[in-house]
């Protein structure tokens, strides 16, 4: 039994996440966890709300709440939406909790002991009208690299370039909109990342051929451009205090930079899990305490890749301790909405709560992963969404389940019919299924979701083609035994489809399974003997015809949703 650690990029606390956030991190992390659980592996799926930094302060101010109350409320909203989307976290933690605070301060101490933290005087933007220094995201302006007019002071959302606030052209306060700004001298702590470049390059070289080209190219680009030392403190009230135990006594009004503490939140959330369950959290993270046999996967969108291939590894390596480093990073491109970006701040696109108001989670889970933005950005349109649901889910899978179960019930009653002998049609089915199932499993192992779901759909199609060949509705007239065999095989295919589909569509998989047999907590991956698997549903076994699994989306619904959410090409 393998030990599999999976972390999803931590969603910001600032409001409900959109479908781009979901498909770029949280949903594929869940699919990978469910897949490994089906194989019988020991899995730990970790995520948490990222609650520090300026996004939390700005969102709380906009909502008219204090930051703590706002974060408490939003954490619960995001938890509940994750449950409704069947995201099967082992821990849904918070970076604002004690474990992440203590671990962040621990890493800062270790980095300082290693000579990797240095206090520097820097120039920082001060808003005269707001009466305060403006940390990165409190400043908005034009990106000097791509000309995007709403770039933040830490990173341009458009071109993903990492910025300092003083890089912005025509900067303005995100708090008040004031342009009455000036540059003043202040002190901050810097992490001397540049000293670890040789070790980073050596480690990243070991990931060639393991990480995707997208991930390795982003990592090497950062190093090739010259890795700069990074400020790890900010002038904010909300966050993890820099001053603790007498260290850095002049930093009462400063906190650690959110991008320093957020990845540490993976470890903090694992410690939360350990404290809640009695689990040995260190055995997942410390190689000197058992983590040497752990395979660690990180899942994120491309704008998060630099912080996980360079920033977080610097913290782990620089500490001098035996922390587990990531084995596999799955980086996604962006899902766009009719060619424009999904955006939390600009409220563009479909958000998780809105999606669930329209249709159950499995519609979205299948569509998003079948069209995941892997090789390039992908565009969400209502027309494409409807076509995928109607063709793949309603016509291929839903119609297969509906027609064979209704036909069997009408001709043989609601129990599996007896009769007929396994023959050439069944042998041909197995010969077709085996390579498809092997390819599906291989793509799932590699987190290649577009390819995986194309194989899953092809497996469903093979079931329909089998029914077309044996045509039990025709055989029932002259050869009832052949019809019985065709129906029994059809019911066994439903059982097989349930097990294969569970990582992608857990609710639908359980409906299919429970129409035939009680479903265990985890539907195991089918065994290697496919003939035995397709004989699991035996003659005489009662079954119950389920309701229609997927309703088709109509042209009227498409028109209404386009009007409600907007659908202008950009």
Protein backbone atom coordinates (compact mmCIF):
# COMPACT_ATOMS: atom_id res chain seq x y z
CA UNK A 1 0.00 0.00 0.00
CA UNK A 2 1.52 3.28 -1.13
CA UNK A 3 1.33 6.47 0.95
CA UNK A 4 0.03 9.38 -1.10
CA UNK A 5 0.06 13.01 0.10
CA UNK A 6 -1.91 15.45 -2.05
CA UNK A 7 -2.20 19.19 -1.50
CA UNK A 8 -4.33 21.62 -3.49
CA UNK A 9 -3.28 25.24 -3.84
CA UNK A 10 -4.93 27.05 -0.95
CA UNK A 11 -7.91 29.15 -2.02
CA UNK A 12 -7.92 32.73 -0.83
CA UNK A 13 -10.46 33.54 1.84
CA UNK A 14 -11.83 36.48 -0.16
CA UNK A 15 -15.17 35.07 -1.25
CA UNK A 16 -16.68 32.14 -3.12
CA UNK A 17 -14.34 30.59 -5.69
CA UNK A 18 -15.15 30.45 -9.39
CA UNK A 19 -15.01 27.45 -11.72
CA UNK A 20 -11.49 28.40 -12.81
CA UNK A 21 -10.27 28.07 -9.22
CA UNK A 22 -12.09 24.76 -8.89
CA UNK A 23 -10.71 23.11 -12.03
CA UNK A 24 -7.22 24.53 -11.52
CA UNK A 25 -6.54 22.98 -8.13
CA UNK A 26 -9.23 21.66 -5.80
CA UNK A 27 -11.19 19.39 -8.15
CA UNK A 28 -8.24 17.57 -9.79
CA UNK A 29 -6.67 17.09 -6.35
CA UNK A 30 -9.88 15.36 -5.27
CA UNK A 31 -9.95 13.14 -8.37
CA UNK A 32 -6.40 12.03 -7.71
CA UNK A 33 -7.18 11.28 -4.06
CA UNK A 34 -10.30 9.29 -4.94
CA UNK A 35 -8.39 7.36 -7.60
CA UNK A 36 -5.64 6.34 -5.17
CA UNK A 37 -8.17 5.40 -2.50
CA UNK A 38 -9.84 3.11 -5.05
CA UNK A 39 -6.46 1.40 -5.53
CA UNK A 40 -6.29 0.76 -1.78
CA UNK A 41 -3.52 3.27 -1.10
CA UNK A 42 -3.22 5.33 2.07
CA UNK A 43 -4.16 8.86 1.07
CA UNK A 44 -3.99 12.21 2.83
CA UNK A 45 -5.75 15.02 0.94
CA UNK A 46 -4.99 18.42 2.45
CA UNK A 47 -6.27 21.92 1.80
CA UNK A 48 -6.98 25.07 3.81
CA UNK A 49 -8.24 28.58 3.42
CA UNK A 50 -5.42 31.08 2.84
CA UNK A 51 -6.45 33.82 5.25
CA UNK A 52 -3.59 36.30 5.55
CA UNK A 53 -2.42 39.23 3.52
CA UNK A 54 -4.17 42.14 1.89
CA UNK A 55 -6.94 40.16 0.09
CA UNK A 56 -8.46 39.27 3.44
CA UNK A 57 -8.26 42.83 4.76
CA UNK A 58 -9.66 44.37 1.59
CA UNK A 59 -12.51 41.86 1.31
CA UNK A 60 -13.43 42.30 4.97
CA UNK A 61 -13.47 46.08 4.59
CA UNK A 62 -15.70 45.80 1.52
CA UNK A 63 -18.06 43.51 3.45
CA UNK A 64 -18.12 45.89 6.43
CA UNK A 65 -16.74 43.25 8.82
CA UNK A 66 -13.66 42.90 10.98
CA UNK A 67 -11.12 40.55 9.42
CA UNK A 68 -11.51 37.72 11.95
CA UNK A 69 -15.30 37.58 11.60
CA UNK A 70 -15.04 37.77 7.83
CA UNK A 71 -12.54 34.90 7.68
CA UNK A 72 -14.60 32.77 10.08
CA UNK A 73 -17.66 33.21 7.89
CA UNK A 74 -15.92 32.66 4.56
CA UNK A 75 -14.08 29.57 5.79
CA UNK A 76 -17.40 27.92 6.58
CA UNK A 77 -18.93 29.00 3.25
CA UNK A 78 -16.01 27.52 1.33
CA UNK A 79 -16.09 24.34 3.43
CA UNK A 80 -19.78 23.84 2.76
CA UNK A 81 -19.39 24.42 -0.99
CA UNK A 82 -16.49 21.98 -1.07
CA UNK A 83 -18.67 19.34 0.56
CA UNK A 84 -21.45 20.00 -1.95
CA UNK A 85 -18.93 19.49 -4.76
CA UNK A 86 -17.87 16.22 -3.05
CA UNK A 87 -14.31 17.41 -2.42
CA UNK A 88 -13.09 14.72 -0.04
CA UNK A 89 -10.57 16.59 2.11
CA UNK A 90 -8.99 14.73 5.01
CA UNK A 91 -8.42 18.18 6.49
CA UNK A 92 -9.92 21.51 5.47
CA UNK A 93 -7.69 23.72 7.57
CA UNK A 94 -6.94 27.40 8.12
CA UNK A 95 -3.67 29.27 7.88
CA UNK A 96 -4.91 31.50 10.69
CA UNK A 97 -4.82 28.63 13.17
CA UNK A 98 -2.07 27.96 15.68
CA UNK A 99 -0.24 25.14 13.81
CA UNK A 100 0.56 27.33 10.79
CA UNK A 101 1.48 30.28 13.03
CA UNK A 102 3.92 28.19 15.04
CA UNK A 103 5.40 26.45 12.01
CA UNK A 104 5.90 29.75 10.17
CA UNK A 105 7.78 31.20 13.11
CA UNK A 106 9.78 27.96 13.37
CA UNK A 107 10.88 28.17 9.74
CA UNK A 108 11.78 31.85 10.12
CA UNK A 109 13.98 30.96 13.10
CA UNK A 110 15.70 28.12 11.22
CA UNK A 111 16.30 30.26 8.14
CA UNK A 112 17.72 32.99 10.34
CA UNK A 113 20.02 30.52 12.09
CA UNK A 114 21.24 29.42 8.66
CA UNK A 115 22.14 33.01 7.77
CA UNK A 116 19.41 33.25 5.15
CA UNK A 117 17.39 36.14 6.64
CA UNK A 118 18.62 39.69 6.51
CA UNK A 119 17.08 42.99 7.59
CA UNK A 120 17.12 45.61 4.85
CA UNK A 121 16.02 49.20 4.49
CA UNK A 122 13.79 49.52 1.45
CA UNK A 123 11.66 52.05 -0.32
CA UNK A 124 7.96 51.42 0.12
CA UNK A 125 4.87 53.21 -1.05
CA UNK A 126 3.12 55.26 1.62
CA UNK A 127 -0.41 56.62 1.15
CA UNK A 128 -0.72 60.06 2.65
CA UNK A 129 -4.52 60.01 2.46
CA UNK A 130 -4.78 56.55 4.05
CA UNK A 131 -2.04 57.31 6.60
CA UNK A 132 -0.27 53.98 6.14
CA UNK A 133 2.26 52.02 4.14
CA UNK A 134 0.64 50.11 1.31
CA UNK A 135 1.76 46.48 1.04
CA UNK A 136 1.77 44.84 -2.39
CA UNK A 137 -1.94 44.13 -2.99
CA UNK A 138 -2.98 47.45 -1.54
CA UNK A 139 -1.49 49.05 -4.64
CA UNK A 140 -2.94 48.80 -8.14
CA UNK A 141 -1.40 50.16 -11.29
CA UNK A 142 -0.22 49.41 -14.82
CA UNK A 143 2.10 46.44 -15.29
CA UNK A 144 5.44 47.59 -16.72
CA UNK A 145 5.79 44.31 -18.63
CA UNK A 146 2.43 43.82 -20.38
CA UNK A 147 0.53 47.07 -19.84
CA UNK A 148 -2.31 45.47 -17.87
CA UNK A 149 -3.98 48.38 -16.07
CA UNK A 150 -5.17 46.54 -12.94
CA UNK A 151 -1.96 44.79 -11.92
CA UNK A 152 -1.40 44.28 -8.20
CA UNK A 153 1.76 45.23 -6.39
CA UNK A 154 2.92 41.63 -5.94
CA UNK A 155 2.07 39.97 -9.24
CA UNK A 156 0.40 40.86 -12.52
CA UNK A 157 -2.73 38.74 -12.91
CA UNK A 158 -2.44 39.07 -16.69
CA UNK A 159 1.16 38.06 -17.48
CA UNK A 160 2.01 36.42 -14.09
CA UNK A 161 5.21 38.49 -13.69
CA UNK A 162 6.18 38.92 -10.05
CA UNK A 163 6.33 42.63 -9.14
CA UNK A 164 7.26 45.01 -6.38
CA UNK A 165 4.78 47.82 -5.70
CA UNK A 166 7.32 50.40 -6.84
CA UNK A 167 7.41 48.74 -10.28
CA UNK A 168 3.85 49.79 -11.10
CA UNK A 169 3.10 52.64 -13.48
CA UNK A 170 0.51 55.19 -12.31
CA UNK A 171 -0.04 53.43 -8.95
CA UNK A 172 -3.10 54.05 -6.78
CA UNK A 173 -4.32 52.89 -3.39
CA UNK A 174 -6.58 49.84 -3.47
CA UNK A 175 -8.12 51.09 -0.23
CA UNK A 176 -9.20 54.59 -1.24
CA UNK A 177 -8.19 54.93 -4.89
CA UNK A 178 -5.92 57.82 -3.90
CA UNK A 179 -2.93 58.62 -6.07
CA UNK A 180 -1.49 60.84 -3.31
CA UNK A 181 1.36 58.43 -2.70
CA UNK A 182 5.01 58.80 -1.86
CA UNK A 183 7.96 56.50 -1.39
CA UNK A 184 9.41 56.26 2.12
CA UNK A 185 12.15 54.25 3.75
CA UNK A 186 11.18 51.31 6.01
CA UNK A 187 12.75 48.07 7.20
CA UNK A 188 11.80 44.51 6.31
CA UNK A 189 13.19 41.01 6.56
CA UNK A 190 14.48 39.42 3.37
CA UNK A 191 14.94 35.74 2.57
CA UNK A 192 18.19 35.32 0.69
CA UNK A 193 16.84 32.98 -2.00
CA UNK A 194 19.75 33.73 -4.31
CA UNK A 195 22.13 31.75 -2.06
CA UNK A 196 20.17 28.54 -2.72
CA UNK A 197 20.05 28.72 -6.53
CA UNK A 198 22.66 25.95 -7.08
CA UNK A 199 20.79 23.54 -4.81
CA UNK A 200 17.46 24.51 -6.39
CA UNK A 201 18.81 23.85 -9.88
CA UNK A 202 20.16 20.47 -8.81
CA UNK A 203 16.82 19.48 -7.30
CA UNK A 204 14.71 20.77 -10.22
CA UNK A 205 16.94 18.82 -12.63
CA UNK A 206 15.80 15.62 -10.90
CA UNK A 207 12.22 16.54 -11.83
CA UNK A 208 12.88 16.71 -15.59
CA UNK A 209 10.59 14.22 -17.28
CA UNK A 210 8.44 13.99 -14.15
CA UNK A 211 6.99 17.47 -14.06
CA UNK A 212 5.26 18.77 -17.16
CA UNK A 213 7.00 21.14 -19.57
CA UNK A 214 4.74 23.92 -18.29
CA UNK A 215 5.97 23.46 -14.72
CA UNK A 216 9.68 22.98 -15.43
CA UNK A 217 9.77 25.87 -17.89
CA UNK A 218 8.26 28.25 -15.32
CA UNK A 219 10.70 27.10 -12.64
CA UNK A 220 13.77 27.41 -14.89
CA UNK A 221 12.61 30.77 -16.24
CA UNK A 222 12.62 32.18 -12.71
CA UNK A 223 16.13 30.89 -12.11
CA UNK A 224 17.43 31.93 -15.52
CA UNK A 225 16.17 35.48 -15.03
CA UNK A 226 18.10 35.67 -11.76
CA UNK A 227 16.38 34.68 -8.54
CA UNK A 228 16.00 37.75 -6.37
CA UNK A 229 16.01 37.80 -2.59
CA UNK A 230 12.45 38.14 -1.36
CA UNK A 231 10.91 40.32 1.32
CA UNK A 232 9.02 38.09 3.73
CA UNK A 233 7.43 40.72 6.00
CA UNK A 234 4.69 43.29 5.43
CA UNK A 235 3.22 46.31 7.22
CA UNK A 236 -0.15 44.80 8.16
CA UNK A 237 -2.16 44.11 11.30
CA UNK A 238 -3.64 40.82 10.12
CA UNK A 239 -1.29 37.89 9.78
CA UNK A 240 1.37 35.88 11.58
CA UNK A 241 3.34 38.08 13.97
CA UNK A 242 7.02 38.51 13.20
CA UNK A 243 7.92 39.37 16.79
CA UNK A 244 7.94 36.31 19.03
CA UNK A 245 10.17 35.25 21.90
CA UNK A 246 12.17 38.48 21.76
CA UNK A 247 13.38 37.96 18.19
CA UNK A 248 13.18 41.02 15.89
CA UNK A 249 11.92 43.35 18.66
CA UNK A 250 11.31 46.32 16.33
CA UNK A 251 8.68 44.44 14.29
CA UNK A 252 5.61 44.90 16.47
CA UNK A 253 3.60 46.30 13.57
CA UNK A 254 4.70 43.80 10.93
CA UNK A 255 3.58 40.31 9.93
CA UNK A 256 5.02 37.64 7.67
CA UNK A 257 4.25 37.93 3.96
CA UNK A 258 1.32 35.74 2.99
CA UNK A 259 3.34 33.98 0.29
CA UNK A 260 5.84 32.93 2.95
CA UNK A 261 3.26 31.44 5.31
CA UNK A 262 0.68 30.10 2.81
CA UNK A 263 2.65 27.03 1.60
CA UNK A 264 3.66 26.33 5.19
CA UNK A 265 -0.11 26.04 5.64
CA UNK A 266 0.05 22.63 3.94
CA UNK A 267 2.12 21.37 6.84
CA UNK A 268 0.01 23.33 9.33
CA UNK A 269 -3.22 21.77 8.02
CA UNK A 270 -1.64 18.32 8.22
CA UNK A 271 -0.78 19.05 11.84
CA UNK A 272 -4.42 20.13 12.35
CA UNK A 273 -5.45 16.73 10.95
CA UNK A 274 -3.05 14.98 13.32
CA UNK A 275 -4.29 16.89 16.35
CA UNK A 276 -7.92 16.15 15.44
CA UNK A 277 -7.49 12.45 14.62
CA UNK A 278 -4.44 11.33 16.55
CA UNK A 279 -2.62 10.76 13.27
CA UNK A 280 1.16 11.09 13.06
CA UNK A 281 1.40 14.24 10.96
CA UNK A 282 5.20 14.32 11.03
CA UNK A 283 5.37 10.92 9.33
CA UNK A 284 3.88 12.63 6.27
CA UNK A 285 6.28 15.57 6.24
CA UNK A 286 9.56 14.70 7.98
CA UNK A 287 11.76 12.25 6.13
CA UNK A 288 13.61 11.55 9.37
CA UNK A 289 10.28 10.51 10.92
CA UNK A 290 8.84 8.23 8.24
CA UNK A 291 8.00 10.43 5.25
CA UNK A 292 10.64 8.81 3.06
CA UNK A 293 8.02 6.45 1.60
CA UNK A 294 5.49 9.22 0.88
CA UNK A 295 4.78 10.31 -2.70
CA UNK A 296 3.79 13.98 -2.58
CA UNK A 297 1.60 15.60 -5.25
CA UNK A 298 0.82 19.32 -5.51
CA UNK A 299 -2.00 20.59 -7.74
CA UNK A 300 -2.29 24.24 -8.80
CA UNK A 301 -2.83 26.76 -11.60
CA UNK A 302 0.18 28.11 -13.48
CA UNK A 303 0.33 31.43 -11.61
CA UNK A 304 1.06 29.48 -8.40
CA UNK A 305 3.82 27.35 -9.93
CA UNK A 306 6.77 29.71 -9.19
CA UNK A 307 6.00 29.79 -5.48
CA UNK A 308 5.92 25.98 -5.32
CA UNK A 309 8.91 25.19 -7.54
CA UNK A 310 11.13 27.91 -6.06
CA UNK A 311 9.64 29.83 -3.11
CA UNK A 312 8.42 27.00 -0.88
CA UNK A 313 11.39 24.72 -1.67
CA UNK A 314 13.72 27.55 -0.59
CA UNK A 315 12.01 27.54 2.80
CA UNK A 316 12.25 23.76 3.16
CA UNK A 317 15.83 23.46 1.92
CA UNK A 318 17.06 26.52 3.79
CA UNK A 319 15.73 25.26 7.11
CA UNK A 320 18.38 22.54 7.08
CA UNK A 321 15.77 20.03 8.27
CA UNK A 322 14.55 16.89 6.52
CA UNK A 323 11.22 18.16 5.24
CA UNK A 324 9.46 16.25 2.48
CA UNK A 325 9.67 18.01 -0.90
CA UNK A 326 7.13 17.64 -3.67
CA UNK A 327 7.53 14.71 -6.08
CA UNK A 328 4.93 15.67 -8.70
CA UNK A 329 3.47 19.09 -9.48
CA UNK A 330 0.40 19.22 -11.70
CA UNK A 331 0.18 22.70 -13.15
CA UNK A 332 -2.91 23.87 -15.03
CA UNK A 333 -3.36 26.68 -17.48
CA UNK A 334 -6.39 28.93 -17.09
CA UNK A 335 -10.03 28.26 -17.71
CA UNK A 336 -11.49 31.36 -19.35
CA UNK A 337 -15.09 32.49 -19.63
CA UNK A 338 -15.91 33.22 -23.29
CA UNK A 339 -12.27 34.17 -23.78
CA UNK A 340 -12.03 36.46 -20.73
CA UNK A 341 -10.68 35.55 -17.32
CA UNK A 342 -12.77 34.22 -14.50
CA UNK A 343 -12.10 36.75 -11.78
CA UNK A 344 -13.08 36.83 -8.14
CA UNK A 345 -12.24 40.51 -7.79
CA UNK A 346 -14.12 41.51 -10.94
CA UNK A 347 -16.94 38.97 -10.42
CA UNK A 348 -16.64 37.62 -13.96
CA UNK A 349 -17.80 34.09 -14.73
CA UNK A 350 -19.63 31.33 -12.87
CA UNK A 351 -18.90 30.76 -9.20
CA UNK A 352 -19.22 27.52 -7.24
CA UNK A 353 -22.43 28.44 -5.43
CA UNK A 354 -24.08 29.64 -8.64
CA UNK A 355 -23.07 26.46 -10.48
CA UNK A 356 -24.70 24.26 -7.84
CA UNK A 357 -27.87 26.36 -7.98
CA UNK A 358 -28.17 25.34 -11.64
CA UNK A 359 -27.17 21.66 -11.71
CA UNK A 360 -25.80 18.92 -9.41
CA UNK A 361 -22.06 18.71 -8.83
CA UNK A 362 -21.39 15.72 -11.10
CA UNK A 363 -22.41 17.67 -14.23
CA UNK A 364 -19.69 20.19 -13.40
CA UNK A 365 -17.10 17.69 -12.19
CA UNK A 366 -17.26 15.73 -15.44
CA UNK A 367 -17.35 18.72 -17.76
CA UNK A 368 -14.53 20.60 -16.07
CA UNK A 369 -12.15 17.65 -15.98
CA UNK A 370 -13.02 16.43 -19.48
CA UNK A 371 -12.09 19.92 -20.70
CA UNK A 372 -9.38 20.74 -18.17
CA UNK A 373 -6.95 23.49 -19.24
CA UNK A 374 -3.89 21.26 -19.40
CA UNK A 375 -1.99 21.87 -22.64
CA UNK A 376 -3.29 25.40 -23.03
CA UNK A 377 -5.96 27.73 -21.70
CA UNK A 378 -9.51 26.45 -22.22
CA UNK A 379 -12.65 28.52 -22.75
CA UNK A 380 -15.90 27.83 -20.93
CA UNK A 381 -19.03 28.54 -22.96
CA UNK A 382 -22.58 27.53 -22.16
CA UNK A 383 -22.95 26.02 -25.62
CA UNK A 384 -19.95 23.72 -25.14
CA UNK A 385 -21.01 22.83 -21.61
CA UNK A 386 -24.49 21.85 -22.81
CA UNK A 387 -23.14 19.83 -25.75
CA UNK A 388 -20.81 17.86 -23.45
CA UNK A 389 -23.51 17.16 -20.88
CA UNK A 390 -26.07 16.17 -23.51
CA UNK A 391 -23.77 13.95 -25.57
CA UNK A 392 -21.48 12.34 -22.99
CA UNK A 393 -23.57 12.19 -19.84
CA UNK A 394 -27.16 12.03 -21.10
CA UNK A 395 -26.79 10.19 -24.43
CA UNK A 396 -23.85 7.88 -23.75
CA UNK A 397 -23.83 7.00 -20.03
CA UNK A 398 -27.33 7.99 -18.91
CA UNK A 399 -29.06 6.41 -21.90
CA UNK A 400 -27.10 3.17 -21.48
CA UNK A 401 -28.14 2.80 -17.84
CA UNK A 402 -31.73 3.82 -18.49
CA UNK A 403 -32.44 1.63 -21.48
CA UNK A 404 -30.89 -1.62 -20.24
CA UNK A 405 -32.39 -1.40 -16.75
CA UNK A 406 -35.85 -0.44 -17.99
CA UNK A 407 -35.81 -3.12 -20.65
CA UNK A 408 -34.62 -5.81 -18.25
CA UNK A 409 -37.24 -4.83 -15.67
CA UNK A 410 -40.00 -4.88 -18.29
CA UNK A 411 -39.11 -8.33 -19.67
CA UNK A 412 -37.67 -10.17 -16.67
CA UNK A 413 -38.84 -8.23 -13.64
CA UNK A 414 -36.53 -6.36 -11.25
CA UNK A 415 -34.06 -9.18 -10.83
CA UNK A 416 -31.05 -10.23 -12.86
CA UNK A 417 -32.16 -12.77 -15.49
CA UNK A 418 -30.68 -16.24 -15.79
CA UNK A 419 -29.74 -17.96 -19.07
CA UNK A 420 -27.39 -17.76 -21.99
CA UNK A 421 -23.76 -18.82 -22.29
CA UNK A 422 -20.72 -16.55 -22.52
CA UNK A 423 -19.67 -16.37 -26.18
CA UNK A 424 -17.88 -14.48 -28.91
CA UNK A 425 -19.67 -11.18 -28.29
CA UNK A 426 -18.63 -11.18 -24.65
CA UNK A 427 -15.05 -12.15 -25.48
CA UNK A 428 -14.92 -9.30 -28.00
CA UNK A 429 -16.21 -6.89 -25.36
CA UNK A 430 -13.43 -7.85 -22.95
CA UNK A 431 -10.83 -7.54 -25.71
CA UNK A 432 -12.05 -4.00 -26.36
CA UNK A 433 -12.40 -3.02 -22.71
CA UNK A 434 -9.02 -4.18 -21.42
CA UNK A 435 -6.78 -1.73 -23.36
CA UNK A 436 -9.21 1.13 -22.73
CA UNK A 437 -9.25 0.46 -18.99
CA UNK A 438 -5.45 0.17 -18.91
CA UNK A 439 -5.14 3.51 -20.72
CA UNK A 440 -7.68 5.13 -18.39
CA UNK A 441 -5.76 3.95 -15.33
CA UNK A 442 -2.44 5.07 -16.79
CA UNK A 443 -3.75 8.57 -17.53
CA UNK A 444 -5.30 8.85 -14.07
CA UNK A 445 -1.96 7.88 -12.49
CA UNK A 446 -0.25 10.61 -14.55
CA UNK A 447 -2.94 13.22 -13.75
CA UNK A 448 -3.67 13.54 -17.49
CA UNK A 449 -7.34 14.27 -17.09
CA UNK A 450 -8.44 15.15 -20.60
CA UNK A 451 -6.96 11.90 -21.86
CA UNK A 452 -8.34 9.95 -18.90
CA UNK A 453 -11.90 11.16 -19.37
CA UNK A 454 -11.74 10.56 -23.11
CA UNK A 455 -10.95 6.93 -22.26
CA UNK A 456 -13.75 6.79 -19.69
CA UNK A 457 -16.22 8.03 -22.28
CA UNK A 458 -14.88 5.46 -24.77
CA UNK A 459 -15.48 2.73 -22.18
CA UNK A 460 -19.10 3.86 -21.83
CA UNK A 461 -19.41 3.80 -25.65
CA UNK A 462 -18.20 0.18 -25.71
CA UNK A 463 -21.14 -0.71 -23.48
CA UNK A 464 -23.58 0.88 -25.91
CA UNK A 465 -21.91 -0.86 -28.86
CA UNK A 466 -22.16 -4.21 -27.10
CA UNK A 467 -25.90 -3.73 -26.57
CA UNK A 468 -26.30 -2.78 -30.21
CA UNK A 469 -24.53 -5.99 -31.29
CA UNK A 470 -26.43 -8.39 -29.05
CA UNK A 471 -29.72 -6.46 -29.31
CA UNK A 472 -31.61 -8.11 -26.44
CA UNK A 473 -34.81 -6.28 -27.49
CA UNK A 474 -34.72 -8.26 -30.75
CA UNK A 475 -33.42 -11.55 -29.30
CA UNK A 476 -36.22 -11.66 -26.70
CA UNK A 477 -38.64 -12.80 -29.40
CA UNK A 478 -36.75 -15.88 -30.63
CA UNK A 479 -33.90 -16.47 -28.16
CA UNK A 480 -34.82 -15.41 -24.60
CA UNK A 481 -31.60 -16.94 -23.22
CA UNK A 482 -29.48 -14.71 -25.44
CA UNK A 483 -31.56 -11.72 -24.39
CA UNK A 484 -31.06 -12.68 -20.74
CA UNK A 485 -27.29 -12.87 -21.21
CA UNK A 486 -27.25 -9.47 -22.95
CA UNK A 487 -29.27 -7.89 -20.13
CA UNK A 488 -27.14 -9.51 -17.44
CA UNK A 489 -23.97 -8.30 -19.13
CA UNK A 490 -25.50 -4.82 -19.43
CA UNK A 491 -26.18 -4.75 -15.68
CA UNK A 492 -22.63 -5.90 -14.98
CA UNK A 493 -21.34 -3.11 -17.19
CA UNK A 494 -23.30 -0.61 -15.08
CA UNK A 495 -21.55 -2.04 -12.03
CA UNK A 496 -18.17 -1.72 -13.78
CA UNK A 497 -18.94 1.83 -14.94
CA UNK A 498 -19.82 2.80 -11.37
CA UNK A 499 -16.41 1.70 -10.08
CA UNK A 500 -14.52 3.40 -12.91
CA UNK A 501 -16.54 6.62 -12.74
CA UNK A 502 -16.42 7.13 -8.95
CA UNK A 503 -13.32 9.39 -8.86
CA UNK A 504 -14.95 11.71 -11.38
CA UNK A 505 -18.64 11.53 -10.50
CA UNK A 506 -18.99 10.07 -7.01
CA UNK A 507 -22.72 10.72 -6.52
CA UNK A 508 -23.67 9.24 -9.90
CA UNK A 509 -21.38 6.26 -9.37
CA UNK A 510 -23.06 5.47 -6.06
CA UNK A 511 -26.52 5.76 -7.66
CA UNK A 512 -25.51 3.26 -10.34
CA UNK A 513 -23.91 0.90 -7.83
CA UNK A 514 -26.74 1.05 -5.32
CA UNK A 515 -29.31 0.28 -8.00
CA UNK A 516 -27.63 -3.15 -8.07
CA UNK A 517 -25.74 -3.68 -4.80
CA UNK A 518 -25.02 -1.75 -1.59
CA UNK A 519 -22.03 0.52 -2.15
CA UNK A 520 -18.99 0.34 0.16
CA UNK A 521 -17.47 3.63 1.40
CA UNK A 522 -14.88 3.46 -1.39
CA UNK A 523 -15.60 1.70 -4.68
CA UNK A 524 -12.42 -0.33 -5.34
CA UNK A 525 -10.68 -0.33 -8.70
CA UNK A 526 -11.78 -3.37 -10.77
CA UNK A 527 -9.60 -6.46 -10.49
CA UNK A 528 -7.36 -7.74 -13.25
CA UNK A 529 -9.72 -10.60 -14.21
CA UNK A 530 -12.31 -8.70 -16.21
CA UNK A 531 -14.43 -11.79 -16.89
CA UNK A 532 -14.89 -12.25 -13.14
CA UNK A 533 -15.67 -8.55 -12.74
CA UNK A 534 -18.35 -8.76 -15.44
CA UNK A 535 -19.93 -11.75 -13.67
CA UNK A 536 -20.26 -10.01 -10.30
CA UNK A 537 -23.97 -9.24 -10.73
CA UNK A 538 -25.39 -12.76 -10.61
CA UNK A 539 -28.73 -14.23 -11.75
CA UNK A 540 -31.51 -13.70 -9.25
CA UNK A 541 -29.94 -10.52 -7.81
CA UNK A 542 -32.69 -7.91 -7.32
CA UNK A 543 -32.14 -4.45 -8.74
CA UNK A 544 -34.00 -1.15 -8.82
CA UNK A 545 -34.29 1.10 -11.85
CA UNK A 546 -32.88 4.51 -10.83
CA UNK A 547 -34.25 7.86 -11.88
CA UNK A 548 -32.79 9.34 -15.06
CA UNK A 549 -29.16 10.09 -14.21
CA UNK A 550 -28.72 13.23 -16.32
CA UNK A 551 -31.25 15.67 -17.70
CA UNK A 552 -30.44 17.28 -21.03
CA UNK A 553 -29.79 21.01 -21.13
CA UNK A 554 -32.20 22.85 -23.38
CA UNK A 555 -31.67 25.78 -25.74
CA UNK A 556 -33.91 27.87 -23.48
CA UNK A 557 -31.67 27.15 -20.50
CA UNK A 558 -28.57 28.11 -22.49
CA UNK A 559 -30.18 31.41 -23.51
CA UNK A 560 -31.25 32.16 -19.94
CA UNK A 561 -27.79 31.39 -18.53
CA UNK A 562 -26.06 33.47 -21.17
CA UNK A 563 -28.25 36.40 -20.24
CA UNK A 564 -27.80 35.90 -16.50
CA UNK A 565 -24.03 35.49 -16.48
CA UNK A 566 -23.06 37.39 -19.61
CA UNK A 567 -21.36 35.79 -22.57
CA UNK A 568 -19.56 38.46 -24.57
CA UNK A 569 -16.54 37.27 -26.52
CA UNK A 570 -13.32 39.02 -25.49
